[in-house]
Amino acid sequence: MNAGSRLGVLGALGITVSMLVAACGAAPVSPSPSAAGTPAESVAVPTPTGVMSPTASARPAPTATPAPSASVEGTSTARRGPWVPTRSLAGWVPSSIGAAVPLRDGGALAIGEWGMAAQRWDPATATWQEVAGLNATRRAFAAVQLRDGRVLVTGGLDTHDNDRWQAYSSTYVYDPTTPAGTWTKVGLLGTARVAPAAALLPDGRVLVAGGAYKDGPPYEDAGSSGITLAASRSIVPGPGTGEGRRFDDMAPPDIGVALATAELFDPSTGRWSPTGSMRFARAGAVAATLSDGRVLVVGPGTSDIGAGWAEMDPRVFGTAELYDPATGRFSLVGSLPPIDRAEIAAAGVDLQEDPSWIDDPSWASEGTLVTLPDGGALLVGQSDEWKHMGYVTRTFRFDARSGRWRQVGKASVGFYSSDRETWLQTPGVDLAGAFAAVLPDGRVLVAGGTTGGATGESEMSRVARLYDPVTNTWSRVPSMPKGRSGGVTVALADGSILLIGGNETTPGGSAANAVRFVPSP
């Protein structure tokens, strides 16, 4: 559930909600020794003086290209700290970003939520230009940059028929070598699937795993695998109708089947081939390729896209699997750690008043998954939420060698106390919906999320921090020009990061724009 949804739910209770987190709190935190899973916060990330972890990469100096000095929408884009605005994506609204991927020329391709609109960011002019989109509406698709610079789009939902939506098996490849780019249709998936997880393998192939097969009315319930194709209809005796009963064919009901199968795309042939299946069917999961070439697949959460298309085994929520391209097999790894009630109580939120709600979340969102140089991964802003009760947001680090997760920093908690008739929360920024991307030196930029104002009203956060996986510490960087939450990030070839879309703090402000983070040289 996003920040707006939280306010809608809790507004029914007549309370004003503040959403704050401690992992990257806005209030200053005194430096403390870094314990396992609990990073210390420092004014600046310290330079390690001891022997670095054998799997940790040294930090090269970033080579980000400075912003041009030309004016963009009346505002000079001359370098002012690390944040550089870019021109808005013309005609797009905050929820209209379906996917964004980097391009070899240093730019990026943003594809609209419905697939038929696309825009390209030109690094030379720091502007967005409209380019060719897909030929038909397509929602909840997978998009991956290929090693040769092209962009693969596959799966998704065919939404052109207002009465019946169907999963796609079609696949298209975008060639950016012309100004507008061209889309070419390639091989079909073996199984049509909406909201699949996708990742690029080291050998240039693309893994697509899970998703759901959808065929039915647009907004009906998820459906099930129990499909009846014929039913008995009584024929009432009467003039001209005959007598007795007969069987008439009937249209199948809504079908929503979660998938565990996976497929591989070979860009040299343009064809798909089957590979090993996951342990669980997962629609809407997130995936990332680790430094050793394996692919980590996490989730989904109950509120993530995909959960609305098909019913899934409850064990998929908060669990993960690893795909090994050498064997073509998936294996289960450790589950996300349970919520630590003692930690939350120590933060001043008393869950003992009514502890039952925390064992049965109404919604969950997996957050943003990024890989780390040590071979592991960071899951930023995983959130569990309970209707009319509260939320707990946490960030986790995955150790590929042990296959286990540990919490990074402290949990963010918002909780309505029925005894006190007030809203309780931990201080800081709630990282649910925060942007996250890895810089060339291995640190992770984490920006945005939600925070509470002086009056207790929730608003999007401007706070930005860097997480150092070597020292397990956070450091503050200058805040974003505007608060935002819930968009997408693209790591550009020059080492800078584009933050695109999401929701902004300004009233009615369109977040169909982007801001670029340029690391210091």
Protein backbone atom coordinates (compact mmCIF):
# COMPACT_ATOMS: atom_id res chain seq x y z
CA MET A 1 0.00 0.00 0.00
CA ASN A 2 1.41 3.43 -0.89
CA ALA A 3 1.34 6.54 1.25
CA GLY A 4 -1.90 7.77 -0.26
CA SER A 5 -3.61 4.45 0.41
CA ARG A 6 -2.47 4.53 4.03
CA LEU A 7 -4.05 7.92 4.55
CA GLY A 8 -7.28 6.74 2.97
CA VAL A 9 -7.49 3.71 5.26
CA LEU A 10 -6.56 5.49 8.44
CA GLY A 11 -8.65 8.53 7.55
CA ALA A 12 -11.71 6.42 8.24
CA LEU A 13 -10.72 6.48 11.91
CA GLY A 14 -10.64 10.27 11.92
CA ILE A 15 -6.93 10.47 12.66
CA THR A 16 -4.08 12.26 10.97
CA VAL A 17 -1.19 9.99 10.07
CA SER A 18 2.52 10.59 10.25
CA MET A 19 4.74 8.03 8.59
CA LEU A 20 8.29 7.96 9.77
CA VAL A 21 11.22 5.49 9.80
CA ALA A 22 14.43 5.01 11.74
CA ALA A 23 16.67 3.21 9.25
CA CYS A 24 17.39 6.54 7.62
CA GLY A 25 15.84 8.92 10.14
CA ALA A 26 15.67 12.60 9.40
CA ALA A 27 16.73 13.42 12.95
CA PRO A 28 20.49 13.27 13.67
CA VAL A 29 21.67 9.98 15.07
CA SER A 30 24.80 9.72 17.17
CA PRO A 31 27.44 7.49 15.62
CA SER A 32 27.67 4.10 17.25
CA PRO A 33 29.70 0.97 16.56
CA SER A 34 28.24 -0.98 13.65
CA ALA A 35 26.69 -4.20 14.85
CA ALA A 36 25.59 -7.00 12.58
CA GLY A 37 22.44 -5.88 10.84
CA THR A 38 22.40 -2.48 12.60
CA PRO A 39 24.43 0.12 10.72
CA ALA A 40 25.73 3.19 12.43
CA GLU A 41 24.99 6.57 10.89
CA SER A 42 27.81 9.01 10.26
CA VAL A 43 28.14 12.49 8.88
CA ALA A 44 30.35 11.11 6.14
CA VAL A 45 31.04 7.52 5.19
CA PRO A 46 34.36 6.63 6.82
CA THR A 47 37.17 5.25 4.71
CA PRO A 48 37.95 1.70 5.86
CA THR A 49 41.39 1.41 7.40
CA GLY A 50 41.38 -2.33 7.94
CA VAL A 51 41.43 -5.15 5.45
CA MET A 52 38.35 -5.06 3.24
CA SER A 53 36.14 -8.07 2.78
CA PRO A 54 37.64 -10.31 0.10
CA THR A 55 34.44 -10.09 -1.94
CA ALA A 56 33.99 -6.34 -1.60
CA SER A 57 35.02 -4.24 -4.57
CA ALA A 58 37.27 -1.20 -4.25
CA ARG A 59 35.67 2.12 -5.03
CA PRO A 60 36.67 3.71 -8.33
CA ALA A 61 36.16 7.43 -8.70
CA PRO A 62 32.78 8.09 -10.35
CA THR A 63 32.93 9.47 -13.88
CA ALA A 64 29.53 11.11 -13.98
CA THR A 65 29.15 13.71 -16.68
CA PRO A 66 28.36 17.17 -15.26
CA ALA A 67 25.01 18.63 -16.20
CA PRO A 68 24.92 21.03 -19.17
CA SER A 69 24.60 24.72 -18.39
CA ALA A 70 21.60 25.20 -20.66
CA SER A 71 18.32 26.29 -19.10
CA VAL A 72 15.68 23.61 -18.52
CA GLU A 73 12.12 24.86 -18.06
CA GLY A 74 13.41 28.21 -16.92
CA THR A 75 15.77 26.77 -14.32
CA SER A 76 19.49 26.64 -14.91
CA THR A 77 20.84 23.10 -14.89
CA ALA A 78 24.36 24.22 -13.96
CA ARG A 79 25.70 21.83 -11.33
CA ARG A 80 24.28 22.70 -7.89
CA GLY A 81 25.33 19.89 -5.62
CA PRO A 82 24.43 16.34 -6.52
CA TRP A 83 20.84 16.92 -7.74
CA VAL A 84 20.19 18.11 -11.29
CA PRO A 85 16.61 18.55 -12.60
CA THR A 86 15.61 17.30 -16.03
CA ARG A 87 12.77 18.34 -18.28
CA SER A 88 9.40 16.70 -17.56
CA LEU A 89 8.10 13.76 -19.54
CA ALA A 90 5.54 15.60 -21.66
CA GLY A 91 1.94 14.51 -21.18
CA TRP A 92 2.65 11.81 -18.59
CA VAL A 93 1.07 11.60 -15.15
CA PRO A 94 2.59 10.26 -11.93
CA SER A 95 1.27 6.70 -12.29
CA SER A 96 2.12 6.37 -15.97
CA ILE A 97 5.68 4.97 -15.76
CA GLY A 98 5.63 1.27 -16.57
CA ALA A 99 9.38 0.66 -16.79
CA ALA A 100 12.65 2.47 -17.44
CA VAL A 101 15.96 1.02 -18.61
CA PRO A 102 19.37 2.51 -19.46
CA LEU A 103 20.61 2.83 -23.03
CA ARG A 104 24.13 2.37 -24.34
CA ASP A 105 24.44 6.02 -25.42
CA GLY A 106 24.19 7.07 -21.79
CA GLY A 107 20.49 7.89 -21.96
CA ALA A 108 17.42 5.98 -20.85
CA LEU A 109 14.15 4.63 -22.28
CA ALA A 110 10.96 5.16 -20.24
CA ILE A 111 7.92 3.12 -21.26
CA GLY A 112 4.43 4.14 -20.22
CA GLU A 113 2.30 2.04 -17.92
CA TRP A 114 0.13 0.95 -20.84
CA GLY A 115 3.05 0.37 -23.23
CA MET A 116 2.01 2.49 -26.21
CA ALA A 117 3.86 5.64 -25.09
CA ALA A 118 7.64 5.84 -24.73
CA GLN A 119 10.14 8.62 -24.16
CA ARG A 120 13.90 8.73 -24.38
CA TRP A 121 16.23 10.79 -22.22
CA ASP A 122 19.06 12.44 -24.16
CA PRO A 123 22.12 12.96 -21.94
CA ALA A 124 23.57 15.60 -24.29
CA THR A 125 20.60 17.95 -23.93
CA ALA A 126 19.19 16.65 -20.61
CA THR A 127 15.73 16.48 -22.20
CA TRP A 128 13.07 13.85 -22.89
CA GLN A 129 11.92 13.10 -26.44
CA GLU A 130 8.92 11.07 -27.57
CA VAL A 131 9.89 7.88 -29.41
CA ALA A 132 8.11 4.86 -30.83
CA GLY A 133 5.94 2.92 -28.40
CA LEU A 134 4.53 -0.59 -28.58
CA ASN A 135 1.79 -1.35 -31.07
CA ALA A 136 -0.94 -2.26 -28.55
CA THR A 137 -1.80 -1.64 -24.92
CA ARG A 138 0.30 -3.74 -22.54
CA ARG A 139 0.37 -3.55 -18.76
CA ALA A 140 2.54 -5.23 -16.07
CA PHE A 141 5.18 -6.30 -18.60
CA ALA A 142 8.87 -7.13 -18.11
CA ALA A 143 11.55 -4.84 -19.61
CA VAL A 144 15.28 -5.67 -19.69
CA GLN A 145 18.28 -4.06 -21.40
CA LEU A 146 20.14 -6.59 -23.56
CA ARG A 147 23.93 -6.70 -23.71
CA ASP A 148 23.94 -5.44 -27.31
CA GLY A 149 22.14 -2.25 -26.24
CA ARG A 150 18.63 -3.19 -27.33
CA VAL A 151 15.67 -3.40 -24.92
CA LEU A 152 13.50 -6.50 -24.49
CA VAL A 153 9.81 -6.20 -23.52
CA THR A 154 7.80 -9.37 -22.94
CA GLY A 155 4.60 -10.60 -21.34
CA GLY A 156 2.12 -8.32 -19.69
CA LEU A 157 -1.61 -7.85 -20.00
CA ASP A 158 -3.60 -7.15 -23.18
CA THR A 159 -6.07 -4.47 -22.09
CA HIS A 160 -7.52 -3.27 -25.40
CA ASP A 161 -10.81 -5.18 -24.83
CA ASN A 162 -12.71 -3.48 -22.02
CA ASP A 163 -14.68 -6.65 -21.32
CA ARG A 164 -11.88 -9.20 -21.19
CA TRP A 165 -8.18 -8.87 -20.42
CA GLN A 166 -5.68 -11.55 -21.43
CA ALA A 167 -2.03 -12.27 -20.68
CA TYR A 168 0.46 -11.74 -23.52
CA SER A 169 3.00 -14.22 -24.85
CA SER A 170 4.36 -11.78 -27.44
CA THR A 171 7.85 -10.29 -27.16
CA TYR A 172 9.31 -7.15 -28.77
CA VAL A 173 12.84 -5.76 -29.00
CA TYR A 174 13.53 -2.01 -29.18
CA ASP A 175 16.49 -0.90 -31.31
CA PRO A 176 17.71 2.55 -30.18
CA THR A 177 20.13 3.12 -33.08
CA THR A 178 17.67 5.46 -34.82
CA PRO A 179 16.38 8.71 -33.24
CA ALA A 180 12.87 7.36 -32.64
CA GLY A 181 13.89 3.72 -32.34
CA THR A 182 12.10 0.72 -33.81
CA TRP A 183 10.27 -2.26 -32.28
CA THR A 184 10.67 -5.73 -33.79
CA LYS A 185 8.55 -8.72 -32.84
CA VAL A 186 10.54 -11.83 -31.89
CA GLY A 187 9.66 -15.28 -30.55
CA LEU A 188 6.63 -15.97 -28.37
CA LEU A 189 6.87 -17.04 -24.76
CA GLY A 190 5.96 -20.66 -24.17
CA THR A 191 3.34 -19.45 -21.67
CA ALA A 192 1.59 -16.09 -21.72
CA ARG A 193 2.29 -14.34 -18.42
CA VAL A 194 1.53 -11.04 -16.70
CA ALA A 195 3.79 -9.51 -14.01
CA PRO A 196 6.73 -11.90 -14.43
CA ALA A 197 10.13 -11.41 -12.78
CA ALA A 198 12.95 -10.86 -15.29
CA ALA A 199 16.75 -10.49 -15.20
CA LEU A 200 19.72 -10.43 -17.59
CA LEU A 201 22.14 -13.36 -17.26
CA PRO A 202 25.93 -12.95 -17.65
CA ASP A 203 25.91 -14.81 -20.98
CA GLY A 204 23.42 -12.32 -22.47
CA ARG A 205 20.28 -14.45 -22.16
CA VAL A 206 17.23 -13.20 -20.26
CA LEU A 207 15.47 -15.15 -17.53
CA VAL A 208 11.72 -14.67 -17.10
CA ALA A 209 10.17 -16.44 -14.13
CA GLY A 210 6.66 -16.76 -12.76
CA GLY A 211 3.91 -14.27 -13.39
CA ALA A 212 0.29 -15.23 -13.90
CA TYR A 213 -1.91 -16.38 -16.75
CA LYS A 214 -4.90 -14.03 -16.84
CA ASP A 215 -8.04 -14.33 -18.95
CA GLY A 216 -11.21 -12.64 -17.79
CA PRO A 217 -13.04 -9.44 -16.89
CA PRO A 218 -10.67 -6.59 -16.03
CA TYR A 219 -11.40 -6.04 -12.37
CA GLU A 220 -12.95 -9.30 -11.22
CA ASP A 221 -11.48 -11.34 -8.39
CA ALA A 222 -8.30 -13.26 -9.05
CA GLY A 223 -10.03 -16.40 -10.30
CA SER A 224 -8.75 -19.91 -9.82
CA SER A 225 -7.55 -22.98 -11.66
CA GLY A 226 -10.96 -24.68 -11.30
CA ILE A 227 -12.45 -23.95 -14.72
CA THR A 228 -15.87 -25.25 -15.87
CA LEU A 229 -16.45 -25.07 -19.61
CA ALA A 230 -20.01 -26.40 -19.67
CA ALA A 231 -22.98 -26.23 -17.32
CA SER A 232 -26.50 -27.60 -17.17
CA ARG A 233 -29.24 -25.17 -18.18
CA SER A 234 -32.88 -26.00 -17.62
CA ILE A 235 -35.18 -25.58 -20.60
CA VAL A 236 -38.64 -24.71 -19.39
CA PRO A 237 -41.35 -26.67 -21.29
CA GLY A 238 -43.59 -24.46 -23.36
CA PRO A 239 -44.71 -23.64 -26.88
CA GLY A 240 -41.79 -23.73 -29.27
CA THR A 241 -39.18 -24.55 -26.64
CA GLY A 242 -39.29 -28.34 -26.59
CA GLU A 243 -39.15 -30.30 -23.41
CA GLY A 244 -36.53 -31.67 -21.05
CA ARG A 245 -32.99 -30.50 -20.31
CA ARG A 246 -29.88 -30.01 -22.36
CA PHE A 247 -26.24 -28.94 -21.90
CA ASP A 248 -25.19 -25.63 -23.41
CA ASP A 249 -21.62 -24.40 -23.78
CA MET A 250 -20.87 -21.43 -21.56
CA ALA A 251 -18.09 -18.90 -21.57
CA PRO A 252 -15.36 -19.81 -19.07
CA PRO A 253 -15.22 -17.77 -15.87
CA ASP A 254 -12.40 -15.46 -14.89
CA ILE A 255 -9.07 -17.33 -15.00
CA GLY A 256 -6.13 -16.23 -12.89
CA VAL A 257 -3.43 -18.84 -12.44
CA ALA A 258 -0.09 -18.05 -10.81
CA LEU A 259 2.92 -19.57 -12.58
CA ALA A 260 6.05 -21.25 -11.26
CA THR A 261 7.57 -21.97 -14.68
CA ALA A 262 10.50 -20.04 -16.12
CA GLU A 263 11.87 -19.41 -19.62
CA LEU A 264 15.11 -18.20 -21.22
CA PHE A 265 15.38 -15.76 -24.14
CA ASP A 266 18.34 -16.13 -26.51
CA PRO A 267 18.98 -12.78 -28.29
CA SER A 268 21.02 -14.50 -31.00
CA THR A 269 18.00 -16.53 -32.16
CA GLY A 270 15.11 -14.42 -30.84
CA ARG A 271 13.55 -17.51 -29.28
CA TRP A 272 12.44 -18.70 -25.85
CA SER A 273 13.20 -22.07 -24.29
CA PRO A 274 12.02 -23.62 -21.00
CA THR A 275 14.24 -23.92 -17.94
CA GLY A 276 13.71 -25.19 -14.39
CA SER A 277 10.64 -24.06 -12.45
CA MET A 278 10.53 -22.22 -9.14
CA ARG A 279 9.46 -23.96 -5.95
CA PHE A 280 6.44 -21.65 -5.68
CA ALA A 281 4.29 -19.85 -8.22
CA ARG A 282 5.07 -16.12 -7.92
CA ALA A 283 3.30 -13.26 -9.74
CA GLY A 284 4.73 -9.78 -9.26
CA ALA A 285 8.01 -10.86 -7.66
CA VAL A 286 11.19 -8.75 -7.95
CA ALA A 287 14.46 -10.16 -9.36
CA ALA A 288 18.12 -9.15 -9.60
CA THR A 289 21.26 -10.80 -11.00
CA LEU A 290 23.95 -11.26 -8.34
CA SER A 291 27.65 -10.75 -9.06
CA ASP A 292 28.21 -14.53 -9.32
CA GLY A 293 25.61 -14.78 -12.12
CA ARG A 294 22.80 -16.31 -10.11
CA VAL A 295 19.40 -14.60 -10.02
CA LEU A 296 17.64 -13.76 -6.76
CA VAL A 297 13.81 -13.74 -6.94
CA VAL A 298 11.94 -12.30 -3.93
CA GLY A 299 8.26 -12.16 -3.07
CA PRO A 300 5.92 -10.78 -4.19
CA GLY A 301 4.10 -8.87 -1.50
CA THR A 302 0.35 -9.13 -1.18
CA SER A 303 -0.09 -5.54 -2.39
CA ASP A 304 2.41 -5.76 -5.27
CA ILE A 305 1.25 -5.92 -8.85
CA GLY A 306 0.56 -9.54 -9.74
CA ALA A 307 -1.16 -10.43 -6.50
CA GLY A 308 -4.39 -9.10 -8.01
CA TRP A 309 -4.21 -11.41 -11.02
CA ALA A 310 -4.00 -14.79 -9.27
CA GLU A 311 -4.15 -16.50 -5.89
CA MET A 312 -0.81 -17.68 -4.53
CA ASP A 313 0.47 -19.92 -1.77
CA PRO A 314 0.91 -17.72 1.34
CA ARG A 315 4.48 -19.00 1.64
CA VAL A 316 5.59 -16.88 -1.32
CA PHE A 317 5.22 -13.72 0.77
CA GLY A 318 8.52 -13.01 2.50
CA THR A 319 10.43 -15.85 0.82
CA ALA A 320 13.02 -15.97 -1.95
CA GLU A 321 14.60 -18.34 -4.48
CA LEU A 322 17.92 -18.44 -6.33
CA TYR A 323 18.27 -19.45 -9.99
CA ASP A 324 21.60 -20.99 -11.04
CA PRO A 325 22.12 -20.64 -14.82
CA ALA A 326 24.80 -23.36 -14.70
CA THR A 327 22.25 -25.98 -13.63
CA GLY A 328 19.01 -24.35 -14.78
CA ARG A 329 17.48 -24.90 -11.35
CA PHE A 330 15.90 -22.81 -8.60
CA SER A 331 16.52 -23.38 -4.90
CA LEU A 332 14.81 -21.86 -1.87
CA VAL A 333 16.89 -19.58 0.36
CA GLY A 334 16.21 -18.05 3.76
CA SER A 335 12.97 -16.21 4.48
CA LEU A 336 12.85 -12.60 5.61
CA PRO A 337 13.29 -12.37 9.40
CA PRO A 338 10.14 -11.97 11.53
CA ILE A 339 9.29 -8.60 13.04
CA ASP A 340 11.25 -7.98 16.24
CA ARG A 341 8.67 -6.85 18.80
CA ALA A 342 11.34 -6.01 21.37
CA GLU A 343 12.99 -3.58 18.98
CA ILE A 344 9.67 -1.86 18.29
CA ALA A 345 8.86 -1.66 22.00
CA ALA A 346 12.28 -0.13 22.67
CA ALA A 347 11.43 2.55 20.11
CA GLY A 348 8.44 3.56 22.21
CA VAL A 349 5.62 1.79 20.37
CA ASP A 350 3.78 -0.56 22.72
CA LEU A 351 2.49 -3.49 20.68
CA GLN A 352 1.37 -5.32 23.81
CA GLU A 353 -1.88 -3.35 23.87
CA ASP A 354 -3.19 -5.48 21.04
CA PRO A 355 -0.39 -7.68 19.68
CA SER A 356 -2.57 -9.97 17.56
CA TRP A 357 -2.69 -7.65 14.56
CA ILE A 358 1.03 -7.91 13.89
CA ASP A 359 0.77 -11.67 13.17
CA ASP A 360 -1.66 -11.26 10.27
CA PRO A 361 -0.79 -8.38 7.90
CA SER A 362 -3.47 -7.15 5.52
CA TRP A 363 -0.98 -6.10 2.86
CA ALA A 364 2.73 -6.38 2.20
CA SER A 365 5.04 -4.77 -0.37
CA GLU A 366 8.45 -6.23 -1.17
CA GLY A 367 10.17 -2.88 -1.83
CA THR A 368 13.17 -2.32 -4.14
CA LEU A 369 15.85 -4.98 -4.73
CA VAL A 370 19.41 -3.99 -5.71
CA THR A 371 22.61 -6.05 -5.89
CA LEU A 372 25.78 -5.38 -3.90
CA PRO A 373 29.45 -5.78 -4.93
CA ASP A 374 30.03 -8.46 -2.29
CA GLY A 375 27.72 -10.84 -4.14
CA GLY A 376 24.67 -10.16 -2.01
CA ALA A 377 21.69 -7.83 -2.33
CA LEU A 378 19.80 -5.10 -0.49
CA LEU A 379 16.00 -5.07 -0.20
CA VAL A 380 14.92 -1.50 0.60
CA GLY A 381 11.54 -0.57 2.06
CA GLN A 382 9.84 -3.94 2.57
CA SER A 383 6.57 -3.07 4.29
CA ASP A 384 3.88 -4.99 6.18
CA GLU A 385 0.61 -3.17 6.79
CA TRP A 386 -2.55 -3.80 8.80
CA LYS A 387 -5.87 -2.18 7.98
CA HIS A 388 -6.90 0.41 10.57
CA MET A 389 -3.94 -0.60 12.74
CA GLY A 390 -0.53 0.35 11.39
CA TYR A 391 2.54 -0.61 9.41
CA VAL A 392 6.11 -1.87 9.85
CA THR A 393 8.72 -1.05 7.18
CA ARG A 394 12.17 -2.64 7.17
CA THR A 395 15.29 -2.97 4.98
CA PHE A 396 17.21 -6.24 4.62
CA ARG A 397 20.59 -7.41 3.37
CA PHE A 398 20.99 -10.80 1.66
CA ASP A 399 24.17 -12.87 2.12
CA ALA A 400 24.59 -15.06 -0.96
CA ARG A 401 27.07 -17.38 0.76
CA SER A 402 24.75 -18.32 3.62
CA GLY A 403 21.49 -17.71 1.78
CA ARG A 404 20.19 -15.68 4.72
CA TRP A 405 18.74 -12.22 5.28
CA ARG A 406 19.42 -9.81 8.13
CA GLN A 407 17.76 -6.53 8.93
CA VAL A 408 19.70 -3.33 8.20
CA GLY A 409 19.01 -0.50 10.59
CA LYS A 410 15.84 -0.14 12.61
CA ALA A 411 12.24 -0.73 11.61
CA SER A 412 9.86 2.13 10.89
CA VAL A 413 6.57 1.70 12.75
CA GLY A 414 3.26 3.52 12.67
CA PHE A 415 0.61 2.21 15.07
CA TYR A 416 -2.83 3.42 16.16
CA SER A 417 -3.20 2.98 19.91
CA SER A 418 -6.83 2.28 20.75
CA ASP A 419 -6.11 2.80 24.46
CA ARG A 420 -4.57 6.22 23.95
CA GLU A 421 -6.72 7.06 20.92
CA THR A 422 -3.69 8.44 19.13
CA TRP A 423 -1.22 7.55 16.42
CA LEU A 424 2.24 6.42 17.57
CA GLN A 425 5.29 6.23 15.35
CA THR A 426 9.04 5.97 15.32
CA PRO A 427 10.98 9.06 14.15
CA GLY A 428 12.54 9.39 10.72
CA VAL A 429 11.66 8.48 7.15
CA ASP A 430 9.52 5.52 6.13
CA LEU A 431 11.39 3.87 3.24
CA ALA A 432 8.30 2.26 1.74
CA GLY A 433 8.32 3.61 -1.82
CA ALA A 434 11.88 4.98 -1.56
CA PHE A 435 14.16 5.09 -4.61
CA ALA A 436 17.24 2.85 -4.47
CA ALA A 437 20.14 2.35 -6.90
CA VAL A 438 23.77 1.24 -6.74
CA LEU A 439 26.51 3.77 -7.53
CA PRO A 440 29.70 2.80 -9.41
CA ASP A 441 31.65 2.72 -6.12
CA GLY A 442 29.28 0.09 -4.66
CA ARG A 443 27.39 2.35 -2.26
CA VAL A 444 23.59 2.48 -2.52
CA LEU A 445 21.66 5.71 -3.01
CA VAL A 446 18.38 5.61 -1.06
CA ALA A 447 16.15 8.66 -1.47
CA GLY A 448 12.57 9.62 -0.75
CA GLY A 449 9.81 7.72 0.98
CA THR A 450 7.34 9.39 3.35
CA THR A 451 7.72 11.47 6.48
CA GLY A 452 5.56 13.41 8.92
CA GLY A 453 5.34 17.17 9.11
CA ALA A 454 5.04 19.33 12.23
CA THR A 455 1.24 19.05 12.14
CA GLY A 456 1.36 15.27 11.79
CA GLU A 457 0.34 15.27 8.13
CA SER A 458 2.09 12.75 5.90
CA GLU A 459 4.19 14.05 3.02
CA MET A 460 6.80 12.76 0.61
CA SER A 461 10.35 12.93 1.91
CA ARG A 462 13.27 14.83 0.35
CA VAL A 463 15.83 13.00 2.49
CA ALA A 464 18.63 11.13 0.68
CA ARG A 465 21.34 8.89 2.07
CA LEU A 466 24.10 6.58 0.97
CA TYR A 467 24.41 3.07 2.39
CA ASP A 468 27.98 1.72 2.49
CA PRO A 469 27.90 -2.10 2.40
CA VAL A 470 31.59 -2.34 3.32
CA THR A 471 31.31 -0.43 6.60
CA ASN A 472 27.58 -1.10 7.11
CA THR A 473 26.95 2.62 7.70
CA TRP A 474 24.65 5.34 6.39
CA SER A 475 25.70 8.90 5.52
CA ARG A 476 23.57 11.90 4.62
CA VAL A 477 23.81 13.63 1.25
CA PRO A 478 22.00 16.84 0.25
CA SER A 479 18.23 16.38 0.04
CA MET A 480 16.32 16.16 -3.22
CA PRO A 481 14.81 19.39 -4.61
CA LYS A 482 11.33 17.96 -3.95
CA GLY A 483 10.04 15.06 -1.91
CA ARG A 484 8.96 12.02 -3.88
CA SER A 485 8.08 8.36 -3.44
CA GLY A 486 7.09 5.37 -5.54
CA GLY A 487 8.84 5.90 -8.90
CA VAL A 488 11.62 4.06 -10.75
CA THR A 489 15.40 4.48 -10.92
CA VAL A 490 17.87 4.05 -13.78
CA ALA A 491 21.64 3.76 -13.31
CA LEU A 492 23.15 5.62 -16.28
CA ALA A 493 26.40 4.81 -18.07
CA ASP A 494 28.18 7.88 -16.68
CA GLY A 495 27.60 6.80 -13.07
CA SER A 496 24.70 9.14 -12.35
CA ILE A 497 21.21 7.98 -11.33
CA LEU A 498 17.87 9.05 -12.83
CA LEU A 499 14.87 9.08 -10.46
CA ILE A 500 11.70 9.06 -12.54
CA GLY A 501 8.06 9.48 -11.61
CA GLY A 502 6.44 8.70 -8.31
CA ASN A 503 4.43 11.11 -6.16
CA GLU A 504 5.58 14.60 -5.20
CA THR A 505 4.87 16.81 -2.21
CA THR A 506 3.71 19.81 -4.23
CA PRO A 507 -0.11 20.03 -4.41
CA GLY A 508 -1.16 18.51 -7.71
CA GLY A 509 2.47 18.27 -8.68
CA SER A 510 3.08 15.89 -11.54
CA ALA A 511 5.88 13.49 -10.81
CA ALA A 512 6.09 12.62 -14.48
CA ASN A 513 9.46 14.27 -14.34
CA ALA A 514 12.91 13.17 -13.34
CA VAL A 515 15.80 14.37 -11.26
CA ARG A 516 19.39 13.17 -11.67
CA PHE A 517 21.80 12.36 -8.86
CA VAL A 518 25.42 13.06 -9.88
CA PRO A 519 27.99 11.61 -7.44
CA SER A 520 30.85 13.84 -6.38
CA PRO A 521 34.07 13.21 -8.33
